[in-house]
Amino acid sequence: AFGLRQNLEIAEGLLGRAVDRIGVTGGGARSQVWNQIKADVLQREIVTLDTSETAVLGAAMLAGNRRVRAR
């Protein structure tokens, strides 16, 4: 959880804005205790996502946010 917090702080610094909610998936996301630990350490809302294909979803999200620069 503290490693996640360190990564979150770095990401927020690079983004220049705060992240309000964290989406979680996978086996660990099924644990209410683990999600509460992450919420407590990160001081953010933890949201369990209802999708199983997270790799594809993440790629699509990154592609949708990509900024194209003219050369």
C-alpha atoms as a PDB file:
ATOM      1  CA  ALA A   1       0.000   0.000   0.000  1.00  0.00           C
ATOM      2  CA  PHE A   2       2.842   2.404   0.751  1.00  0.00           C
ATOM      3  CA  GLY A   3       4.472   1.514  -2.566  1.00  0.00           C
ATOM      4  CA  LEU A   4       1.195   2.391  -4.275  1.00  0.00           C
ATOM      5  CA  ARG A   5       1.172   5.690  -2.396  1.00  0.00           C
ATOM      6  CA  GLN A   6       4.667   6.518  -3.608  1.00  0.00           C
ATOM      7  CA  ASN A   7       3.668   5.735  -7.210  1.00  0.00           C
ATOM      8  CA  LEU A   8       0.494   7.797  -6.840  1.00  0.00           C
ATOM      9  CA  GLU A   9       2.449  10.801  -5.562  1.00  0.00           C
ATOM     10  CA  ILE A  10       4.839  10.552  -8.519  1.00  0.00           C
ATOM     11  CA  ALA A  11       1.968  10.213 -11.008  1.00  0.00           C
ATOM     12  CA  GLU A  12       0.112  13.181  -9.530  1.00  0.00           C
ATOM     13  CA  GLY A  13       3.267  15.260  -9.743  1.00  0.00           C
ATOM     14  CA  LEU A  14       3.715  14.373 -13.405  1.00  0.00           C
ATOM     15  CA  LEU A  15       0.030  14.969 -14.177  1.00  0.00           C
ATOM     16  CA  GLY A  16      -0.069  18.219 -12.275  1.00  0.00           C
ATOM     17  CA  ARG A  17      -3.351  17.291 -10.635  1.00  0.00           C
ATOM     18  CA  ALA A  18      -4.751  15.086  -7.889  1.00  0.00           C
ATOM     19  CA  VAL A  19      -6.338  11.702  -8.462  1.00  0.00           C
ATOM     20  CA  ASP A  20      -9.621  11.421  -6.551  1.00  0.00           C
ATOM     21  CA  ARG A  21     -10.475   7.748  -7.049  1.00  0.00           C
ATOM     22  CA  ILE A  22      -8.464   4.593  -7.665  1.00  0.00           C
ATOM     23  CA  GLY A  23      -9.969   1.743  -9.706  1.00  0.00           C
ATOM     24  CA  VAL A  24      -8.889  -1.769  -8.724  1.00  0.00           C
ATOM     25  CA  THR A  25      -9.326  -5.166 -10.394  1.00  0.00           C
ATOM     26  CA  GLY A  26      -8.061  -8.685 -10.029  1.00  0.00           C
ATOM     27  CA  GLY A  27      -7.832 -11.059  -7.101  1.00  0.00           C
ATOM     28  CA  GLY A  28      -6.774  -8.458  -4.547  1.00  0.00           C
ATOM     29  CA  ALA A  29      -9.749  -6.283  -5.462  1.00  0.00           C
ATOM     30  CA  ARG A  30     -12.075  -8.944  -4.055  1.00  0.00           C
ATOM     31  CA  SER A  31     -10.709  -8.374  -0.546  1.00  0.00           C
ATOM     32  CA  GLN A  32     -12.599  -5.720   1.415  1.00  0.00           C
ATOM     33  CA  VAL A  33      -9.763  -5.641   3.974  1.00  0.00           C
ATOM     34  CA  TRP A  34      -7.083  -5.047   1.343  1.00  0.00           C
ATOM     35  CA  ASN A  35      -9.189  -2.360  -0.357  1.00  0.00           C
ATOM     36  CA  GLN A  36      -9.698  -0.626   3.008  1.00  0.00           C
ATOM     37  CA  ILE A  37      -5.955  -0.721   3.722  1.00  0.00           C
ATOM     38  CA  LYS A  38      -5.268   0.910   0.333  1.00  0.00           C
ATOM     39  CA  ALA A  39      -7.984   3.522   0.931  1.00  0.00           C
ATOM     40  CA  ASP A  40      -6.548   4.356   4.360  1.00  0.00           C
ATOM     41  CA  VAL A  41      -2.949   4.643   3.149  1.00  0.00           C
ATOM     42  CA  LEU A  42      -3.762   6.473  -0.094  1.00  0.00           C
ATOM     43  CA  GLN A  43      -6.487   8.666   1.439  1.00  0.00           C
ATOM     44  CA  ARG A  44      -8.487   8.088  -1.745  1.00  0.00           C
ATOM     45  CA  GLU A  45     -11.709   6.315  -2.668  1.00  0.00           C
ATOM     46  CA  ILE A  46     -11.075   2.773  -3.907  1.00  0.00           C
ATOM     47  CA  VAL A  47     -13.515   1.597  -6.595  1.00  0.00           C
ATOM     48  CA  THR A  48     -13.747  -2.063  -7.605  1.00  0.00           C
ATOM     49  CA  LEU A  49     -14.195  -2.314 -11.380  1.00  0.00           C
ATOM     50  CA  ASP A  50     -16.578  -4.860 -12.916  1.00  0.00           C
ATOM     51  CA  THR A  51     -14.353  -5.810 -15.836  1.00  0.00           C
ATOM     52  CA  SER A  52     -12.129  -8.824 -16.349  1.00  0.00           C
ATOM     53  CA  GLU A  53     -10.144  -7.668 -19.406  1.00  0.00           C
ATOM     54  CA  THR A  54      -8.150  -4.957 -17.684  1.00  0.00           C
ATOM     55  CA  ALA A  55      -5.139  -5.090 -20.018  1.00  0.00           C
ATOM     56  CA  VAL A  56      -7.327  -4.316 -23.020  1.00  0.00           C
ATOM     57  CA  LEU A  57      -9.233  -1.651 -21.072  1.00  0.00           C
ATOM     58  CA  GLY A  58      -5.991   0.028 -19.965  1.00  0.00           C
ATOM     59  CA  ALA A  59      -4.627   0.059 -23.522  1.00  0.00           C
ATOM     60  CA  ALA A  60      -7.846   1.622 -24.789  1.00  0.00           C
ATOM     61  CA  MET A  61      -7.782   4.260 -22.046  1.00  0.00           C
ATOM     62  CA  LEU A  62      -4.168   5.148 -22.834  1.00  0.00           C
ATOM     63  CA  ALA A  63      -4.917   5.329 -26.558  1.00  0.00           C
ATOM     64  CA  GLY A  64      -7.875   7.616 -25.902  1.00  0.00           C
ATOM     65  CA  ASN A  65      -5.736   9.999 -23.849  1.00  0.00           C
ATOM     66  CA  ARG A  66      -2.776  10.052 -26.221  1.00  0.00           C
ATOM     67  CA  ARG A  67      -1.782  13.444 -27.555  1.00  0.00           C
ATOM     68  CA  VAL A  68      -0.544  13.419 -31.105  1.00  0.00           C
ATOM     69  CA  ARG A  69       2.160  15.936 -31.984  1.00  0.00           C
ATOM     70  CA  ALA A  70       2.629  17.173 -35.541  1.00  0.00           C
ATOM     71  CA  ARG A  71       6.147  16.762 -36.867  1.00  0.00           C
END
